[in-house]
Amino acid sequence: MLGKLRNFYIVESNGELGGMRTMKILFVADHTLFRDGVKLLLKQSNLLEQAEDANGLQAALTILGKERFDLILLDIKLRDAIGLDSLREIRKLDNKTPVITITDDEDFHLANQAIAHGASGYISKTSSSAELVDAISAAYAGKTYLAPDLSQHLNFGAPPNSEVSDISILASLSDRQREVLCHIARGSSNKAISAKMNISQNTVKAHLATIFKILGVHNRTEAFYFAARAGMPLE
């Protein structure tokens, strides 16, 4: 049963397959054990016909340039991408294949951003196997799935004090702000950042002030630790 609620379709968690055929699925995640565990689960559920693995964004883009899939399962915390950058890049290359995003955090704000950027579903790694099947069922039906724990917030809107994950905060930075943050993490001075990005030092300072405010930090060191904690690629 599907119920529409503020642009999301919430599937009742029953783990039923709804007549779905087996699928060719691309698994995008850094950790082999995680990928293998999900594949085993889907094989047991008779959902998986063929699988390809990608251990990062670039590997996924290479595979998608050659093959087509029925579904993409995307861990949005990758070694070579931050937050929803991976989803955006995949959508540039392939805007038709359903993508279910998987994350460590049950973050309403990040879920909202993921759906806005074309994800067909958002679940956390704490979700049950039935919820994963439900998310795939929704994607198969052309609907959008949100984990039940998050969907409860939709009845009243996002709680004003709901926790926001570090990845969600980083995802709210503009491309230029994230570029400045990467230079900060590498230890570049304002002068060096100015030269590398071809912007004035005053503009660099303005970016820094905005970045510190968004991240809730006070200096470069705290900004670096914030980015590292969230898994932001710094190379």
Protein backbone atom coordinates (compact mmCIF):
# COMPACT_ATOMS: atom_id res chain seq x y z
CA MET A 1 0.00 0.00 0.00
CA LEU A 2 1.32 3.40 -0.97
CA GLY A 3 0.40 6.64 0.71
CA LYS A 4 1.49 10.02 -0.60
CA LEU A 5 2.75 12.46 2.01
CA ARG A 6 4.50 15.74 1.15
CA ASN A 7 6.01 14.44 -2.11
CA PHE A 8 7.16 11.14 -0.58
CA TYR A 9 5.57 7.74 -1.02
CA ILE A 10 5.71 5.71 2.17
CA VAL A 11 5.53 1.93 1.78
CA GLU A 12 4.14 -0.04 4.69
CA SER A 13 6.97 -2.23 5.97
CA ASN A 14 5.96 -5.79 5.19
CA GLY A 15 8.87 -7.05 3.10
CA GLU A 16 6.58 -8.34 0.34
CA LEU A 17 7.96 -8.51 -3.19
CA GLY A 18 4.80 -7.52 -5.04
CA GLY A 19 5.51 -9.67 -8.11
CA MET A 20 8.89 -8.11 -8.86
CA ARG A 21 11.26 -9.92 -11.19
CA THR A 22 14.91 -10.44 -10.33
CA MET A 23 17.10 -7.44 -11.05
CA LYS A 24 20.50 -6.44 -12.30
CA ILE A 25 21.84 -4.19 -9.54
CA LEU A 26 24.90 -1.98 -9.16
CA PHE A 27 26.19 -1.77 -5.57
CA VAL A 28 28.22 1.38 -4.86
CA ALA A 29 29.94 1.25 -1.46
CA ASP A 30 33.47 1.36 -0.09
CA HIS A 31 33.20 -1.69 2.13
CA THR A 32 33.26 -5.16 0.59
CA LEU A 33 31.64 -6.80 3.63
CA PHE A 34 28.69 -4.40 3.43
CA ARG A 35 28.20 -5.00 -0.29
CA ASP A 36 28.44 -8.76 0.10
CA GLY A 37 25.97 -8.73 3.00
CA VAL A 38 23.34 -6.81 1.04
CA LYS A 39 23.83 -9.02 -2.01
CA LEU A 40 23.34 -12.14 0.09
CA LEU A 41 20.16 -10.69 1.56
CA LEU A 42 18.74 -9.87 -1.88
CA LYS A 43 19.66 -13.30 -3.25
CA GLN A 44 17.78 -14.88 -0.37
CA SER A 45 14.81 -12.65 -1.22
CA ASN A 46 14.98 -13.77 -4.87
CA LEU A 47 15.51 -10.18 -6.00
CA LEU A 48 19.03 -10.38 -7.36
CA GLU A 49 19.80 -11.81 -10.78
CA GLN A 50 23.13 -10.12 -11.50
CA ALA A 51 25.33 -7.73 -9.51
CA GLU A 52 28.22 -5.40 -10.19
CA ASP A 53 30.35 -3.82 -7.46
CA ALA A 54 31.84 -0.33 -7.39
CA ASN A 55 34.07 0.68 -4.47
CA GLY A 56 33.73 4.40 -5.15
CA LEU A 57 32.16 7.07 -7.34
CA GLN A 58 34.69 6.93 -10.17
CA ALA A 59 34.40 3.16 -10.38
CA ALA A 60 30.61 3.50 -10.51
CA LEU A 61 30.75 6.10 -13.29
CA THR A 62 33.07 3.87 -15.32
CA ILE A 63 30.70 0.92 -15.00
CA LEU A 64 27.62 3.04 -15.79
CA GLY A 65 29.33 4.30 -18.92
CA LYS A 66 29.34 0.73 -20.24
CA GLU A 67 26.35 -1.05 -18.69
CA ARG A 68 22.73 -0.46 -17.76
CA PHE A 69 21.08 -1.63 -14.54
CA ASP A 70 17.60 -2.05 -13.11
CA LEU A 71 18.63 -0.43 -9.81
CA ILE A 72 21.55 1.32 -8.14
CA LEU A 73 22.16 0.98 -4.39
CA LEU A 74 24.37 3.90 -3.36
CA ASP A 75 26.18 4.39 -0.06
CA ILE A 76 26.49 8.18 0.03
CA LYS A 77 29.60 8.10 2.21
CA LEU A 78 32.34 7.19 -0.27
CA ARG A 79 36.09 7.61 -0.21
CA ASP A 80 36.10 9.74 -3.37
CA ALA A 81 32.91 11.79 -2.91
CA ILE A 82 31.16 13.68 -0.15
CA GLY A 83 27.49 13.44 0.64
CA LEU A 84 25.22 13.84 -2.36
CA ASP A 85 28.00 14.67 -4.84
CA SER A 86 27.98 10.99 -5.83
CA LEU A 87 24.23 11.04 -6.47
CA ARG A 88 24.49 14.22 -8.55
CA GLU A 89 27.30 12.79 -10.67
CA ILE A 90 25.47 9.53 -11.24
CA ARG A 91 22.33 11.43 -12.20
CA LYS A 92 24.29 13.45 -14.78
CA LEU A 93 25.33 10.21 -16.47
CA ASP A 94 22.16 8.22 -15.89
CA ASN A 95 18.94 9.99 -14.97
CA LYS A 96 16.62 7.03 -15.49
CA THR A 97 17.84 4.13 -13.36
CA PRO A 98 16.29 4.22 -9.84
CA VAL A 99 18.85 5.02 -7.14
CA ILE A 100 18.30 4.08 -3.50
CA THR A 101 20.64 5.98 -1.20
CA ILE A 102 21.98 4.29 1.93
CA THR A 103 23.48 6.26 4.80
CA ASP A 104 24.76 5.90 8.36
CA ASP A 105 22.36 8.59 9.59
CA GLU A 106 18.60 8.88 9.93
CA ASP A 107 18.68 12.52 8.89
CA PHE A 108 15.45 14.06 7.60
CA HIS A 109 17.28 17.01 6.05
CA LEU A 110 19.71 14.80 4.13
CA ALA A 111 16.83 12.58 3.03
CA ASN A 112 15.00 15.62 1.72
CA GLN A 113 18.07 16.68 -0.27
CA ALA A 114 18.60 13.16 -1.63
CA ILE A 115 15.03 12.93 -2.91
CA ALA A 116 15.27 16.44 -4.37
CA HIS A 117 18.36 15.35 -6.33
CA GLY A 118 16.61 12.37 -7.87
CA ALA A 119 16.96 9.49 -5.40
CA SER A 120 14.16 6.93 -5.49
CA GLY A 121 14.67 6.05 -1.86
CA TYR A 122 16.55 6.84 1.34
CA ILE A 123 17.26 4.26 4.02
CA SER A 124 19.79 3.98 6.82
CA LYS A 125 22.15 1.11 7.58
CA THR A 126 20.05 0.42 10.67
CA SER A 127 17.03 -0.41 8.48
CA SER A 128 15.60 -3.91 8.53
CA SER A 129 15.77 -6.31 5.60
CA ALA A 130 12.01 -5.79 5.13
CA GLU A 131 12.56 -2.05 4.77
CA LEU A 132 15.19 -2.62 2.09
CA VAL A 133 12.79 -4.85 0.18
CA ASP A 134 10.08 -2.20 0.57
CA ALA A 135 12.41 0.48 -0.79
CA ILE A 136 13.21 -1.68 -3.81
CA SER A 137 9.50 -2.43 -4.28
CA ALA A 138 8.73 1.29 -4.30
CA ALA A 139 11.53 2.01 -6.79
CA TYR A 140 10.30 -0.85 -9.01
CA ALA A 141 6.83 0.74 -8.98
CA GLY A 142 8.25 4.15 -9.91
CA LYS A 143 7.61 5.55 -6.44
CA THR A 144 9.86 7.14 -3.84
CA TYR A 145 10.60 5.51 -0.49
CA LEU A 146 11.53 7.09 2.81
CA ALA A 147 12.41 5.05 5.90
CA PRO A 148 9.46 4.83 8.35
CA ASP A 149 11.36 6.49 11.21
CA LEU A 150 11.90 9.53 9.01
CA SER A 151 8.47 9.47 7.40
CA GLN A 152 6.88 10.00 10.81
CA HIS A 153 8.28 13.54 10.78
CA LEU A 154 6.36 14.29 7.58
CA ASN A 155 3.08 14.30 9.46
CA PHE A 156 4.10 17.46 11.24
CA GLY A 157 6.97 18.75 9.11
CA ALA A 158 10.61 18.41 10.11
CA PRO A 159 11.01 18.91 13.87
CA PRO A 160 12.66 22.30 14.52
CA ASN A 161 15.33 20.68 16.69
CA SER A 162 15.86 17.54 14.63
CA GLU A 163 19.47 16.40 14.47
CA VAL A 164 21.34 17.21 11.28
CA SER A 165 24.25 14.97 10.27
CA ASP A 166 27.70 16.25 9.35
CA ILE A 167 27.22 14.97 5.80
CA SER A 168 23.98 16.91 5.50
CA ILE A 169 25.73 20.09 6.64
CA LEU A 170 28.60 19.59 4.19
CA ALA A 171 26.09 18.94 1.42
CA SER A 172 24.60 22.39 2.05
CA LEU A 173 27.90 24.09 1.16
CA SER A 174 28.22 25.48 -2.36
CA ASP A 175 30.77 23.98 -4.74
CA ARG A 176 33.08 26.97 -4.24
CA GLN A 177 32.78 26.76 -0.46
CA ARG A 178 33.68 23.08 -0.52
CA GLU A 179 36.64 23.85 -2.77
CA VAL A 180 37.85 26.40 -0.23
CA LEU A 181 37.31 23.87 2.56
CA CYS A 182 39.46 21.32 0.69
CA HIS A 183 42.26 23.89 0.40
CA ILE A 184 41.93 24.64 4.12
CA ALA A 185 42.25 20.93 4.91
CA ARG A 186 45.45 20.80 2.87
CA GLY A 187 46.90 23.65 4.91
CA SER A 188 46.81 26.28 2.15
CA SER A 189 47.06 29.94 3.15
CA ASN A 190 44.51 32.54 2.10
CA LYS A 191 47.04 33.84 -0.42
CA ALA A 192 47.57 30.35 -1.87
CA ILE A 193 43.83 29.70 -2.06
CA SER A 194 43.37 33.06 -3.78
CA ALA A 195 45.94 32.15 -6.44
CA LYS A 196 44.67 28.59 -6.98
CA MET A 197 41.02 29.61 -7.27
CA ASN A 198 41.68 32.89 -9.08
CA ILE A 199 39.69 34.91 -6.56
CA SER A 200 40.67 37.81 -4.29
CA GLN A 201 41.86 37.25 -0.73
CA ASN A 202 38.82 39.21 0.47
CA THR A 203 36.61 36.69 -1.32
CA VAL A 204 38.52 33.87 0.34
CA LYS A 205 37.92 35.49 3.73
CA ALA A 206 34.23 35.85 2.94
CA HIS A 207 34.01 32.18 2.00
CA LEU A 208 35.81 31.22 5.21
CA ALA A 209 33.41 33.24 7.34
CA THR A 210 30.42 31.57 5.69
CA ILE A 211 31.95 28.10 5.95
CA PHE A 212 32.72 28.53 9.65
CA LYS A 213 29.16 29.70 10.28
CA ILE A 214 27.58 26.79 8.39
CA LEU A 215 29.81 24.19 10.04
CA GLY A 216 29.44 25.76 13.47
CA VAL A 217 33.21 26.04 13.95
CA HIS A 218 35.52 28.90 14.87
CA ASN A 219 38.75 28.34 12.98
CA ARG A 220 40.58 26.37 10.29
CA THR A 221 41.57 23.53 12.61
CA GLU A 222 38.00 22.89 13.70
CA ALA A 223 36.86 23.08 10.05
CA PHE A 224 39.48 20.47 9.10
CA TYR A 225 38.37 18.07 11.85
CA PHE A 226 34.73 18.57 10.86
CA ALA A 227 35.49 17.66 7.24
CA ALA A 228 37.62 14.67 8.26
CA ARG A 229 34.95 13.40 10.68
CA ALA A 230 32.33 13.53 7.91
CA GLY A 231 34.59 11.59 5.55
CA MET A 232 35.17 14.41 3.08
CA PRO A 233 37.81 13.46 0.46
CA LEU A 234 40.73 15.82 1.01
CA GLU A 235 43.02 14.80 -1.84
